[in-house]
Amino acid sequence: MRGEANAPRAQSRANPPTAASRQSAVLDSAHLGDIEGALGKIKLTDTDHPRTFKTRMLTLLAIIGPGLIVMVGDNDAGGVATYAQAGQNYGYSLLWVLLLLIPVLIVNQEMVVRLGAVTGVGHARLINERFGRGWGWFSVGDLFVLNFLTIVTEFIGVSLAAEYFGISKYIVVPTAAVALVAIMASGSFQRWERAMFAFIAVTLLQIPMLLMAHPDWGRAAGSFVVPGVSGGFTSDAVLLIIAMVGTTVAPWQLFFQQSNIVDKRITPRFIGYERADTTLGAFVVVIGATALVMTADYAARVTGSVGKFTDAGDVAHLLGQAHHVLGPVFAIVLLDASIIGAAAVTLSTSYAFGDVFGIKHSLHRGFRDAKQFYLSYIAMVVVAAVIVLIPGAPLGLITTAVQALAGLLLPSASVFLLLLCNDPQVLGPWVNRAWLNIVAGVIVGVLLLLSGILMATTLFPDLDVVSTSEYLAAGIAVLTVLTLVALRLLQHRSPAPPPVAKIDESEKDTWRMPPLALLEPVTWSAGTKLGMLALRGYLVIGAILLVVKAIQLGRG
């Protein structure tokens, strides 16, 4: 908690706290004030308007942004490539996976919504202060590495789109980098959000793209309802399913949306609207992914290239052969997805950077007022772009590393999220309901299973994925039972958690987390400690093995 005590003093010298900031954990005064969204504005003093349908719609329009942007940003260059691979190699048969991802996305990001609106601080800061600097650096350090590699893959997507149009990547990649910096460094949250909405509007091209691909709606409906895989559940099919989950439920999403909600100044009063924003985004991302799968299936069938996926750029060329308009449209969608993804992932990292080091980190501030925040963003964009432009750079290895590292971090990110959402010191009356904990626990278990499969097959490519999946599923089930037994046996010896004052339901919409330095320390049960130590061991061993594997691949 020492960092929490130091940060407010450093903050107060350059940024005197307001009455509101003294009553909550909000440390940057730029995170307090009127909500200035791309589609509307809500004044801090507007609390007594009649709740008519018109006012509700105007409020929703002003709030919409963080949930929609984080979801659309998840259909980035890696997402486009993964969904295109699913369509080209397996047709419509994997559409059921996308349908199952909707509740996973909504449950995970809804917890983030409450954390952002109630606490007023970013995800990285909460982990750092509630679980200690060791866990904070462990999780955020991994995030920095993963996010940076992801940004590199976004520029790979930019270069593939440029290649389709015959434009040199040495022109398009630097141009995209400049555009990313210009979008972010305007000193206005509202201008940034409007620019992001403009890029989101371009993604609507996926609808006419799908219609031009002559979709078979009956076959698509059947594939959504009945799980199956064309050709059976082979190792390649299982790995692709894991990739679809990994590219859709990414760790950076948690950090981005929470910090973006804080930066947009959304408070508990607007949680319902932000939930609607998040739910809308979940459906939008799945509709876009569906369009990509079905369009790639059309390209494969028309050109006779079923099962021959190489990369997203090749899919654009195949579509160009099948239909003279589809190729350019797909390339534009890929370029647009890469830019949205790069903007969201880079900003997620800069937000986390500001959280960890206690510096100003708001899009409401200009460059002069938040130099470190903006410079961290610019540095990541520039370095990632330069790597893609280096002749002979191991871009394929980077892409593989992103998938493996994302799989490694998936369970840990969700575990921290679940712990924070059950911390009454942090969320007060907004803590998780029992049913939500059950659902989230199942999700964490599934993510852990998928993570284990992906890690095992990355390190040992000759493994039988189907058999490995069965063994890991059985192992996780046994481990869960043993953990529950250990929890029952050891919980009695753990100190009781500190009492939390009861909060009246009428005060729920105005309750916010107090300053972090004033909260009671976290007390973990023996079972929780055991589980967290096991998780840390898994992450350490996995990271070491990944480094060894990368060195082996680098040596050929």
Protein backbone atom coordinates (compact mmCIF):
# COMPACT_ATOMS: atom_id res chain seq x y z
CA MET A 1 0.00 0.00 0.00
CA ARG A 2 3.03 2.30 0.02
CA GLY A 3 2.54 3.15 -3.66
CA GLU A 4 -1.00 4.32 -2.90
CA ALA A 5 0.27 6.68 -0.22
CA ASN A 6 2.93 8.16 -2.47
CA ALA A 7 0.80 8.54 -5.58
CA PRO A 8 -1.76 10.97 -4.12
CA ARG A 9 0.99 13.28 -2.86
CA ALA A 10 2.63 13.36 -6.29
CA GLN A 11 -0.78 13.85 -7.85
CA SER A 12 -1.79 16.69 -5.53
CA ARG A 13 1.22 18.85 -6.39
CA ALA A 14 0.30 19.03 -10.07
CA ASN A 15 -3.40 18.36 -9.79
CA PRO A 16 -5.20 19.57 -6.65
CA PRO A 17 -7.90 17.09 -5.61
CA THR A 18 -11.52 18.14 -5.73
CA ALA A 19 -14.11 17.29 -3.09
CA ALA A 20 -15.24 14.33 -5.18
CA SER A 21 -11.71 12.97 -5.57
CA ARG A 22 -11.14 13.16 -1.81
CA GLN A 23 -14.21 10.98 -1.22
CA SER A 24 -13.26 8.26 -3.70
CA ALA A 25 -10.22 6.47 -5.10
CA VAL A 26 -10.10 8.67 -8.23
CA LEU A 27 -6.61 10.16 -8.34
CA ASP A 28 -6.65 12.11 -11.60
CA SER A 29 -9.05 15.06 -11.61
CA ALA A 30 -9.45 14.62 -15.38
CA HIS A 31 -11.45 11.48 -14.57
CA LEU A 32 -14.11 13.59 -12.84
CA GLY A 33 -16.66 15.84 -14.52
CA ASP A 34 -19.14 15.83 -17.37
CA ILE A 35 -19.46 12.79 -19.61
CA GLU A 36 -18.44 13.85 -23.11
CA GLY A 37 -19.19 11.00 -25.49
CA ALA A 38 -19.06 10.81 -29.26
CA LEU A 39 -22.86 10.86 -29.50
CA GLY A 40 -23.81 13.13 -26.62
CA LYS A 41 -22.93 14.84 -23.37
CA ILE A 42 -24.18 14.44 -19.81
CA LYS A 43 -23.49 17.21 -17.32
CA LEU A 44 -22.44 16.24 -13.83
CA THR A 45 -25.31 18.32 -12.44
CA ASP A 46 -27.99 16.60 -14.59
CA THR A 47 -29.56 14.39 -11.92
CA ASP A 48 -33.23 15.34 -11.88
CA HIS A 49 -34.38 14.92 -15.49
CA PRO A 50 -37.61 12.90 -16.00
CA ARG A 51 -36.83 9.29 -16.96
CA THR A 52 -38.75 9.30 -20.22
CA PHE A 53 -37.98 7.11 -23.20
CA LYS A 54 -36.35 10.09 -24.96
CA THR A 55 -34.04 10.92 -22.05
CA ARG A 56 -33.09 7.26 -21.68
CA MET A 57 -32.15 7.03 -25.36
CA LEU A 58 -30.16 10.27 -25.21
CA THR A 59 -28.35 9.01 -22.11
CA LEU A 60 -27.59 5.69 -23.79
CA LEU A 61 -26.19 7.47 -26.85
CA ALA A 62 -23.91 9.56 -24.63
CA ILE A 63 -22.70 6.49 -22.70
CA ILE A 64 -22.13 4.16 -25.68
CA GLY A 65 -18.45 3.77 -26.47
CA PRO A 66 -16.23 1.71 -24.14
CA GLY A 67 -18.16 -1.55 -24.59
CA LEU A 68 -18.63 -1.18 -28.33
CA ILE A 69 -15.02 -0.14 -28.97
CA VAL A 70 -13.50 -2.94 -26.88
CA MET A 71 -15.60 -5.56 -28.65
CA VAL A 72 -15.07 -4.29 -32.20
CA GLY A 73 -11.38 -3.85 -31.39
CA ASP A 74 -11.28 -7.53 -30.57
CA ASN A 75 -12.08 -8.34 -34.22
CA ASP A 76 -8.57 -7.14 -35.06
CA ALA A 77 -6.03 -8.46 -37.55
CA GLY A 78 -5.61 -11.68 -35.58
CA GLY A 79 -9.37 -12.07 -35.31
CA VAL A 80 -9.89 -11.56 -39.04
CA ALA A 81 -7.23 -14.16 -39.81
CA THR A 82 -8.64 -16.68 -37.31
CA TYR A 83 -12.23 -16.38 -38.49
CA ALA A 84 -11.14 -16.50 -42.13
CA GLN A 85 -9.19 -19.68 -41.40
CA ALA A 86 -12.28 -21.20 -39.77
CA GLY A 87 -14.37 -20.40 -42.84
CA GLN A 88 -11.83 -21.50 -45.45
CA ASN A 89 -10.88 -24.76 -43.73
CA TYR A 90 -14.14 -25.79 -42.02
CA GLY A 91 -16.92 -23.88 -43.75
CA TYR A 92 -19.86 -22.95 -41.53
CA SER A 93 -19.30 -25.83 -39.10
CA LEU A 94 -17.61 -23.75 -36.36
CA LEU A 95 -20.27 -21.01 -36.15
CA TRP A 96 -21.58 -22.57 -32.92
CA VAL A 97 -18.36 -21.54 -31.19
CA LEU A 98 -19.17 -17.88 -31.88
CA LEU A 99 -22.64 -18.23 -30.40
CA LEU A 100 -21.21 -19.70 -27.18
CA LEU A 101 -18.78 -16.79 -26.89
CA ILE A 102 -21.57 -14.22 -26.48
CA PRO A 103 -22.35 -15.05 -22.81
CA VAL A 104 -18.64 -15.39 -22.05
CA LEU A 105 -17.96 -11.90 -23.40
CA ILE A 106 -20.93 -10.37 -21.62
CA VAL A 107 -20.18 -11.98 -18.24
CA ASN A 108 -16.48 -11.07 -18.27
CA GLN A 109 -16.91 -7.50 -19.47
CA GLU A 110 -19.96 -6.81 -17.25
CA MET A 111 -17.75 -7.42 -14.24
CA VAL A 112 -15.27 -4.94 -15.70
CA VAL A 113 -18.08 -2.40 -16.14
CA ARG A 114 -18.87 -2.48 -12.43
CA LEU A 115 -15.22 -2.29 -11.43
CA GLY A 116 -14.60 0.76 -13.59
CA ALA A 117 -17.73 2.69 -12.65
CA VAL A 118 -17.60 1.93 -8.91
CA THR A 119 -13.87 2.17 -8.20
CA GLY A 120 -12.86 5.03 -10.48
CA VAL A 121 -9.43 3.46 -11.08
CA GLY A 122 -7.96 1.13 -13.70
CA HIS A 123 -7.64 -2.64 -13.57
CA ALA A 124 -3.86 -2.57 -13.28
CA ARG A 125 -3.98 -0.27 -10.27
CA LEU A 126 -6.53 -2.43 -8.47
CA ILE A 127 -4.43 -5.57 -8.92
CA ASN A 128 -1.30 -3.72 -7.85
CA GLU A 129 -2.81 -2.27 -4.68
CA ARG A 130 -5.12 -5.07 -3.56
CA PHE A 131 -2.85 -8.05 -4.19
CA GLY A 132 0.57 -6.46 -3.73
CA ARG A 133 3.29 -5.26 -6.04
CA GLY A 134 4.51 -8.79 -6.70
CA TRP A 135 1.24 -9.91 -8.25
CA GLY A 136 0.77 -6.48 -9.81
CA TRP A 137 4.05 -6.54 -11.69
CA PHE A 138 3.59 -10.19 -12.51
CA SER A 139 0.25 -9.64 -14.23
CA VAL A 140 0.86 -6.19 -15.71
CA GLY A 141 4.36 -7.10 -16.89
CA ASP A 142 2.96 -10.02 -18.84
CA LEU A 143 0.26 -7.75 -20.21
CA PHE A 144 2.83 -5.26 -21.50
CA VAL A 145 4.69 -8.00 -23.37
CA LEU A 146 1.54 -9.55 -24.80
CA ASN A 147 0.06 -6.20 -25.83
CA PHE A 148 3.24 -5.09 -27.55
CA LEU A 149 3.45 -8.30 -29.57
CA THR A 150 -0.24 -7.91 -30.42
CA ILE A 151 0.40 -4.40 -31.74
CA VAL A 152 3.09 -5.87 -34.00
CA THR A 153 0.53 -8.32 -35.40
CA GLU A 154 -1.83 -5.40 -36.10
CA PHE A 155 0.83 -3.81 -38.28
CA ILE A 156 1.33 -7.16 -39.97
CA GLY A 157 -2.38 -6.95 -40.86
CA VAL A 158 -1.86 -3.44 -42.22
CA SER A 159 1.00 -4.66 -44.42
CA LEU A 160 -1.08 -7.59 -45.77
CA ALA A 161 -3.94 -5.24 -46.68
CA ALA A 162 -1.49 -2.86 -48.39
CA GLU A 163 0.03 -5.75 -50.34
CA TYR A 164 -3.38 -6.58 -51.83
CA PHE A 165 -3.62 -3.09 -53.34
CA GLY A 166 -0.02 -3.21 -54.54
CA ILE A 167 1.13 -0.49 -52.13
CA SER A 168 4.47 -0.82 -50.40
CA LYS A 169 4.30 -1.54 -46.68
CA TYR A 170 7.04 1.07 -46.27
CA ILE A 171 4.40 3.65 -47.17
CA VAL A 172 1.27 2.25 -45.54
CA VAL A 173 2.71 1.11 -42.19
CA PRO A 174 4.30 4.50 -41.31
CA THR A 175 1.11 6.24 -42.47
CA ALA A 176 -0.98 4.02 -40.22
CA ALA A 177 1.39 4.72 -37.30
CA VAL A 178 1.02 8.48 -37.81
CA ALA A 179 -2.77 8.11 -38.01
CA LEU A 180 -2.84 6.14 -34.74
CA VAL A 181 -0.87 8.85 -32.95
CA ALA A 182 -3.01 11.63 -34.44
CA ILE A 183 -6.24 9.91 -33.34
CA MET A 184 -5.05 9.57 -29.77
CA ALA A 185 -3.08 12.77 -29.15
CA SER A 186 -5.89 15.27 -29.78
CA GLY A 187 -6.31 16.16 -26.10
CA SER A 188 -10.04 15.45 -26.28
CA PHE A 189 -11.76 12.25 -25.22
CA GLN A 190 -14.76 13.16 -27.35
CA ARG A 191 -12.68 13.63 -30.52
CA TRP A 192 -10.88 10.34 -29.89
CA GLU A 193 -14.16 8.47 -29.44
CA ARG A 194 -15.63 10.03 -32.57
CA ALA A 195 -12.58 8.96 -34.57
CA MET A 196 -12.98 5.41 -33.24
CA PHE A 197 -16.66 5.45 -34.19
CA ALA A 198 -15.67 6.48 -37.73
CA PHE A 199 -13.46 3.39 -38.01
CA ILE A 200 -16.22 1.25 -36.47
CA ALA A 201 -18.58 2.53 -39.17
CA VAL A 202 -16.21 1.10 -41.79
CA THR A 203 -16.68 -2.35 -40.27
CA LEU A 204 -20.29 -2.19 -41.50
CA LEU A 205 -18.82 -3.16 -44.87
CA GLN A 206 -18.91 -6.70 -43.48
CA ILE A 207 -22.69 -6.78 -44.07
CA PRO A 208 -22.67 -6.12 -47.85
CA MET A 209 -19.53 -8.29 -48.05
CA LEU A 210 -21.49 -11.16 -46.53
CA LEU A 211 -24.49 -10.61 -48.82
CA MET A 212 -22.24 -10.65 -51.90
CA ALA A 213 -20.84 -14.00 -50.72
CA HIS A 214 -24.21 -15.70 -51.38
CA PRO A 215 -24.73 -17.02 -47.82
CA ASP A 216 -26.67 -20.21 -47.19
CA TRP A 217 -28.86 -19.05 -44.29
CA GLY A 218 -30.34 -22.49 -43.62
CA ARG A 219 -26.93 -24.12 -43.32
CA ALA A 220 -25.72 -21.26 -41.13
CA ALA A 221 -28.69 -21.62 -38.76
CA GLY A 222 -28.03 -25.33 -38.42
CA SER A 223 -24.34 -24.75 -37.67
CA PHE A 224 -25.21 -22.25 -34.94
CA VAL A 225 -27.54 -24.67 -33.19
CA VAL A 226 -25.80 -28.04 -33.66
CA PRO A 227 -22.13 -28.23 -32.51
CA GLY A 228 -19.84 -30.12 -34.85
CA VAL A 229 -16.75 -29.85 -37.03
CA SER A 230 -16.48 -30.57 -40.72
CA GLY A 231 -14.21 -33.63 -40.93
CA GLY A 232 -14.51 -34.40 -37.21
CA PHE A 233 -12.73 -33.17 -34.07
CA THR A 234 -9.13 -33.42 -35.25
CA SER A 235 -6.13 -31.83 -33.55
CA ASP A 236 -6.11 -28.93 -36.03
CA ALA A 237 -9.83 -28.31 -35.46
CA VAL A 238 -9.45 -28.26 -31.67
CA LEU A 239 -6.54 -25.83 -31.90
CA LEU A 240 -8.54 -23.55 -34.19
CA ILE A 241 -11.47 -23.57 -31.76
CA ILE A 242 -9.06 -22.55 -28.99
CA ALA A 243 -7.69 -19.80 -31.22
CA MET A 244 -11.23 -18.53 -31.84
CA VAL A 245 -11.83 -18.34 -28.10
CA GLY A 246 -8.42 -16.77 -27.46
CA THR A 247 -8.80 -14.08 -30.10
CA THR A 248 -12.28 -13.19 -28.82
CA VAL A 249 -11.68 -13.26 -25.03
CA ALA A 250 -8.37 -11.40 -24.72
CA PRO A 251 -6.72 -10.15 -21.49
CA TRP A 252 -6.22 -6.61 -22.83
CA GLN A 253 -10.00 -6.17 -23.04
CA LEU A 254 -10.32 -6.17 -19.24
CA PHE A 255 -7.70 -3.46 -18.79
CA PHE A 256 -8.97 -1.33 -21.69
CA GLN A 257 -12.66 -1.18 -20.88
CA GLN A 258 -12.21 -0.53 -17.17
CA SER A 259 -9.78 2.34 -17.76
CA ASN A 260 -11.84 3.70 -20.64
CA ILE A 261 -14.96 3.75 -18.42
CA VAL A 262 -12.98 5.64 -15.79
CA ASP A 263 -11.63 8.06 -18.41
CA LYS A 264 -15.13 8.66 -19.79
CA ARG A 265 -16.24 9.51 -16.23
CA ILE A 266 -18.97 6.88 -16.06
CA THR A 267 -20.24 6.41 -12.49
CA PRO A 268 -22.46 3.74 -10.84
CA ARG A 269 -25.53 5.73 -11.84
CA PHE A 270 -24.90 4.75 -15.48
CA ILE A 271 -23.92 1.10 -15.01
CA GLY A 272 -27.16 -0.09 -16.61
CA TYR A 273 -26.45 1.92 -19.76
CA GLU A 274 -22.86 0.69 -19.93
CA ARG A 275 -24.10 -2.88 -19.58
CA ALA A 276 -26.30 -2.24 -22.62
CA ASP A 277 -23.27 -0.82 -24.45
CA THR A 278 -21.26 -3.95 -23.63
CA THR A 279 -24.06 -6.31 -24.64
CA LEU A 280 -24.48 -4.47 -27.94
CA GLY A 281 -20.75 -4.77 -28.55
CA ALA A 282 -20.81 -8.52 -27.86
CA PHE A 283 -23.47 -9.09 -30.51
CA VAL A 284 -21.70 -6.77 -32.98
CA VAL A 285 -18.40 -8.65 -32.64
CA VAL A 286 -20.08 -12.03 -33.15
CA ILE A 287 -22.04 -10.78 -36.17
CA GLY A 288 -18.79 -9.48 -37.68
CA ALA A 289 -17.00 -12.75 -36.97
CA THR A 290 -19.87 -14.67 -38.55
CA ALA A 291 -19.62 -12.54 -41.69
CA LEU A 292 -15.89 -13.24 -41.94
CA VAL A 293 -16.36 -17.00 -41.53
CA MET A 294 -19.10 -17.22 -44.13
CA THR A 295 -17.29 -14.96 -46.61
CA ALA A 296 -14.09 -17.02 -46.35
CA ASP A 297 -16.15 -20.17 -46.90
CA TYR A 298 -17.47 -18.65 -50.16
CA ALA A 299 -13.91 -17.84 -51.30
CA ALA A 300 -12.76 -21.40 -50.57
CA ARG A 301 -15.66 -23.07 -52.38
CA VAL A 302 -15.51 -20.88 -55.49
CA THR A 303 -11.73 -21.07 -55.90
CA GLY A 304 -11.30 -24.72 -54.84
CA SER A 305 -9.05 -23.81 -51.91
CA VAL A 306 -10.91 -25.52 -49.07
CA GLY A 307 -8.50 -26.42 -46.27
CA LYS A 308 -5.62 -24.40 -47.75
CA PHE A 309 -5.55 -21.33 -45.51
CA THR A 310 -2.27 -19.38 -45.37
CA ASP A 311 -3.09 -15.85 -44.14
CA ALA A 312 -5.73 -13.11 -44.33
CA GLY A 313 -3.99 -11.47 -47.28
CA ASP A 314 -4.34 -14.67 -49.31
CA VAL A 315 -8.08 -14.79 -48.49
CA ALA A 316 -8.41 -11.29 -49.95
CA HIS A 317 -6.78 -12.48 -53.18
CA LEU A 318 -9.07 -15.53 -53.32
CA LEU A 319 -12.10 -13.31 -52.87
CA GLY A 320 -10.80 -11.07 -55.64
CA GLN A 321 -10.76 -14.09 -57.94
CA ALA A 322 -14.29 -15.08 -56.89
CA HIS A 323 -15.81 -11.60 -57.10
CA HIS A 324 -14.12 -8.42 -58.34
CA VAL A 325 -15.62 -6.34 -55.49
CA LEU A 326 -15.20 -8.77 -52.59
CA GLY A 327 -11.40 -8.78 -52.66
CA PRO A 328 -10.97 -5.01 -52.16
CA VAL A 329 -13.77 -4.90 -49.57
CA PHE A 330 -12.16 -7.69 -47.53
CA ALA A 331 -8.77 -5.93 -47.71
CA ILE A 332 -10.35 -2.69 -46.47
CA VAL A 333 -12.04 -4.57 -43.62
CA LEU A 334 -8.68 -6.12 -42.68
CA LEU A 335 -6.94 -2.72 -42.75
CA ASP A 336 -9.69 -1.11 -40.69
CA ALA A 337 -9.70 -3.98 -38.16
CA SER A 338 -5.92 -3.70 -37.77
CA ILE A 339 -6.10 0.04 -37.03
CA ILE A 340 -8.96 -0.30 -34.53
CA GLY A 341 -7.16 -3.18 -32.82
CA ALA A 342 -3.86 -1.30 -32.67
CA ALA A 343 -5.54 1.81 -31.26
CA ALA A 344 -7.39 -0.12 -28.53
CA VAL A 345 -4.53 -2.42 -27.52
CA THR A 346 -1.97 0.39 -27.43
CA LEU A 347 -4.25 2.63 -25.38
CA SER A 348 -4.94 -0.28 -23.03
CA THR A 349 -1.20 -0.54 -22.41
CA SER A 350 -0.78 3.21 -21.88
CA TYR A 351 -3.65 3.22 -19.40
CA ALA A 352 -1.99 0.37 -17.48
CA PHE A 353 1.35 2.24 -17.65
CA GLY A 354 -0.32 5.27 -16.05
CA ASP A 355 -1.95 3.08 -13.39
CA VAL A 356 1.26 1.36 -12.39
CA PHE A 357 3.46 4.47 -12.26
CA GLY A 358 0.82 6.83 -10.85
CA ILE A 359 1.04 9.38 -13.67
CA LYS A 360 -1.69 11.35 -15.40
CA HIS A 361 -3.34 9.12 -17.97
CA SER A 362 -6.42 10.65 -19.52
CA LEU A 363 -7.48 11.43 -23.07
CA HIS A 364 -9.04 14.61 -21.68
CA ARG A 365 -5.52 15.95 -21.18
CA GLY A 366 -3.35 17.43 -23.90
CA PHE A 367 0.17 16.28 -24.72
CA ARG A 368 1.87 18.89 -22.54
CA ASP A 369 -0.25 17.95 -19.55
CA ALA A 370 0.33 14.18 -19.80
CA LYS A 371 3.60 13.71 -21.67
CA GLN A 372 4.54 10.35 -20.18
CA PHE A 373 1.12 8.89 -21.00
CA TYR A 374 1.28 10.01 -24.63
CA LEU A 375 4.97 9.17 -25.06
CA SER A 376 4.39 5.59 -23.89
CA TYR A 377 1.68 5.26 -26.56
CA ILE A 378 3.83 6.80 -29.29
CA ALA A 379 6.85 4.67 -28.37
CA MET A 380 4.87 1.41 -28.63
CA VAL A 381 3.36 2.38 -31.99
CA VAL A 382 6.70 3.46 -33.47
CA VAL A 383 8.69 0.44 -32.27
CA ALA A 384 5.99 -2.03 -33.39
CA ALA A 385 5.82 -0.41 -36.84
CA VAL A 386 9.61 -0.48 -37.19
CA ILE A 387 9.74 -4.20 -36.34
CA VAL A 388 7.28 -4.99 -39.13
CA LEU A 389 9.39 -2.98 -41.59
CA ILE A 390 12.64 -4.79 -40.73
CA PRO A 391 13.56 -7.16 -43.60
CA GLY A 392 13.58 -10.75 -42.41
CA ALA A 393 11.91 -9.99 -39.07
CA PRO A 394 10.41 -13.19 -37.53
CA LEU A 395 6.81 -12.06 -38.03
CA GLY A 396 5.51 -15.63 -38.12
CA LEU A 397 7.20 -16.41 -34.80
CA ILE A 398 5.71 -13.24 -33.28
CA THR A 399 2.23 -14.24 -34.41
CA THR A 400 2.64 -17.70 -32.87
CA ALA A 401 3.99 -16.17 -29.65
CA VAL A 402 0.96 -13.89 -29.36
CA GLN A 403 -1.44 -16.84 -29.55
CA ALA A 404 0.54 -18.89 -27.03
CA LEU A 405 1.05 -16.03 -24.57
CA ALA A 406 -2.61 -15.01 -24.81
CA GLY A 407 -3.57 -18.59 -24.00
CA LEU A 408 -1.20 -18.60 -21.03
CA LEU A 409 -2.62 -15.37 -19.56
CA LEU A 410 -6.32 -16.00 -20.19
CA PRO A 411 -7.08 -17.86 -16.93
CA SER A 412 -5.02 -15.59 -14.66
CA ALA A 413 -6.66 -12.43 -15.99
CA SER A 414 -10.11 -13.90 -15.34
CA VAL A 415 -9.12 -15.11 -11.85
CA PHE A 416 -8.00 -11.62 -10.79
CA LEU A 417 -11.22 -10.21 -12.21
CA LEU A 418 -13.29 -12.69 -10.21
CA LEU A 419 -11.39 -11.97 -6.99
CA LEU A 420 -11.82 -8.22 -7.37
CA CYS A 421 -15.54 -8.56 -8.08
CA ASN A 422 -15.97 -10.51 -4.82
CA ASP A 423 -14.04 -7.98 -2.73
CA PRO A 424 -16.60 -6.03 -0.65
CA GLN A 425 -13.95 -3.42 0.16
CA VAL A 426 -13.71 -2.66 -3.56
CA LEU A 427 -17.28 -3.03 -4.84
CA GLY A 428 -19.40 -2.66 -1.71
CA PRO A 429 -23.02 -3.29 -2.73
CA TRP A 430 -21.93 -4.09 -6.29
CA VAL A 431 -20.12 -7.37 -5.53
CA ASN A 432 -20.95 -10.46 -7.58
CA ARG A 433 -24.13 -12.39 -6.95
CA ALA A 434 -23.75 -16.09 -6.11
CA TRP A 435 -25.11 -17.25 -9.49
CA LEU A 436 -22.66 -14.98 -11.31
CA ASN A 437 -19.75 -16.49 -9.37
CA ILE A 438 -20.86 -19.94 -10.46
CA VAL A 439 -21.05 -18.90 -14.11
CA ALA A 440 -17.73 -17.04 -13.93
CA GLY A 441 -16.12 -20.02 -12.18
CA VAL A 442 -17.19 -22.33 -15.00
CA ILE A 443 -15.80 -19.85 -17.52
CA VAL A 444 -12.45 -19.72 -15.69
CA GLY A 445 -12.32 -23.52 -15.63
CA VAL A 446 -12.96 -23.74 -19.37
CA LEU A 447 -10.37 -21.04 -20.08
CA LEU A 448 -7.85 -22.91 -17.94
CA LEU A 449 -8.53 -26.09 -19.91
CA LEU A 450 -8.12 -24.29 -23.25
CA SER A 451 -4.99 -22.56 -22.00
CA GLY A 452 -3.45 -25.87 -20.97
CA ILE A 453 -4.23 -27.46 -24.35
CA LEU A 454 -2.78 -24.52 -26.26
CA MET A 455 0.36 -24.42 -24.13
CA ALA A 456 0.92 -28.18 -24.39
CA THR A 457 0.54 -28.24 -28.17
CA THR A 458 2.70 -25.14 -28.64
CA LEU A 459 5.54 -26.74 -26.70
CA PHE A 460 5.00 -30.28 -27.99
CA PRO A 461 3.54 -30.10 -31.54
CA ASP A 462 3.35 -33.90 -31.93
CA LEU A 463 0.84 -34.36 -29.10
CA ASP A 464 -2.58 -35.80 -29.91
CA VAL A 465 -4.72 -32.75 -29.14
CA VAL A 466 -7.98 -34.67 -28.75
CA SER A 467 -6.49 -37.10 -26.20
CA THR A 468 -4.66 -34.27 -24.46
CA SER A 469 -7.94 -32.36 -24.15
CA GLU A 470 -9.60 -35.34 -22.51
CA TYR A 471 -6.75 -35.85 -20.03
CA LEU A 472 -6.57 -32.15 -19.16
CA ALA A 473 -10.34 -31.93 -18.68
CA ALA A 474 -10.21 -34.89 -16.30
CA GLY A 475 -7.21 -33.41 -14.50
CA ILE A 476 -8.89 -30.04 -14.02
CA ALA A 477 -12.04 -31.74 -12.72
CA VAL A 478 -10.00 -33.69 -10.15
CA LEU A 479 -8.02 -30.58 -9.21
CA THR A 480 -11.25 -28.66 -8.69
CA VAL A 481 -12.58 -31.31 -6.33
CA LEU A 482 -9.30 -31.42 -4.39
CA THR A 483 -9.26 -27.62 -4.15
CA LEU A 484 -12.78 -27.58 -2.74
CA VAL A 485 -11.84 -30.26 -0.19
CA ALA A 486 -8.71 -28.33 0.79
CA LEU A 487 -10.76 -25.18 1.10
CA ARG A 488 -13.17 -26.90 3.50
CA LEU A 489 -10.37 -28.37 5.61
CA LEU A 490 -8.21 -25.27 5.82
CA GLN A 491 -10.73 -22.45 5.74
CA HIS A 492 -11.43 -22.79 9.47
CA ARG A 493 -7.83 -21.82 10.21
CA SER A 494 -7.94 -18.66 8.09
CA PRO A 495 -8.64 -15.28 9.73
CA ALA A 496 -12.14 -13.95 9.26
CA PRO A 497 -12.49 -11.18 6.66
CA PRO A 498 -12.86 -7.62 7.99
CA PRO A 499 -16.44 -6.49 8.55
CA VAL A 500 -17.98 -4.27 5.91
CA ALA A 501 -20.61 -1.69 6.75
CA LYS A 502 -24.08 -2.35 5.40
CA ILE A 503 -25.09 -0.01 2.61
CA ASP A 504 -28.65 1.09 2.00
CA GLU A 505 -30.00 0.09 -1.41
CA SER A 506 -31.02 3.70 -2.07
CA GLU A 507 -27.35 4.74 -1.83
CA LYS A 508 -26.16 2.10 -4.28
CA ASP A 509 -26.05 4.41 -7.32
CA THR A 510 -23.85 6.90 -5.50
CA TRP A 511 -21.55 4.47 -3.64
CA ARG A 512 -17.93 4.56 -4.81
CA MET A 513 -14.84 2.82 -3.54
CA PRO A 514 -12.94 4.89 -0.94
CA PRO A 515 -9.27 5.75 -1.50
CA LEU A 516 -7.28 2.53 -1.77
CA ALA A 517 -5.03 3.49 1.14
CA LEU A 518 -8.06 3.46 3.45
CA LEU A 519 -9.23 -0.06 2.57
CA GLU A 520 -8.65 -3.03 4.85
CA PRO A 521 -5.92 -5.39 3.57
CA VAL A 522 -7.03 -8.37 1.51
CA THR A 523 -7.33 -11.58 3.55
CA TRP A 524 -7.23 -14.77 1.51
CA SER A 525 -8.46 -18.10 2.77
CA ALA A 526 -6.01 -20.98 2.78
CA GLY A 527 -7.77 -22.46 -0.24
CA THR A 528 -7.46 -19.22 -2.20
CA LYS A 529 -3.77 -18.96 -1.34
CA LEU A 530 -3.25 -22.53 -2.49
CA GLY A 531 -5.03 -21.84 -5.78
CA MET A 532 -3.13 -18.61 -6.41
CA LEU A 533 0.22 -20.28 -5.73
CA ALA A 534 -0.71 -23.03 -8.19
CA LEU A 535 -1.68 -20.38 -10.75
CA ARG A 536 1.60 -18.55 -10.24
CA GLY A 537 3.53 -21.79 -10.68
CA TYR A 538 1.65 -22.52 -13.90
CA LEU A 539 2.43 -19.06 -15.25
CA VAL A 540 6.13 -19.23 -14.33
CA ILE A 541 6.64 -22.69 -15.79
CA GLY A 542 4.64 -21.81 -18.89
CA ALA A 543 6.59 -18.60 -19.46
CA ILE A 544 9.94 -20.40 -19.10
CA LEU A 545 8.90 -23.14 -21.52
CA LEU A 546 7.65 -20.54 -24.00
CA VAL A 547 11.02 -18.75 -23.93
CA VAL A 548 12.83 -22.06 -24.50
CA LYS A 549 10.50 -22.87 -27.39
CA ALA A 550 11.01 -19.42 -28.92
CA ILE A 551 14.80 -19.84 -28.77
CA GLN A 552 14.53 -23.24 -30.44
CA LEU A 553 12.34 -21.83 -33.22
CA GLY A 554 14.65 -18.86 -33.63
CA ARG A 555 17.58 -21.23 -34.23
CA GLY A 556 15.55 -23.05 -36.87
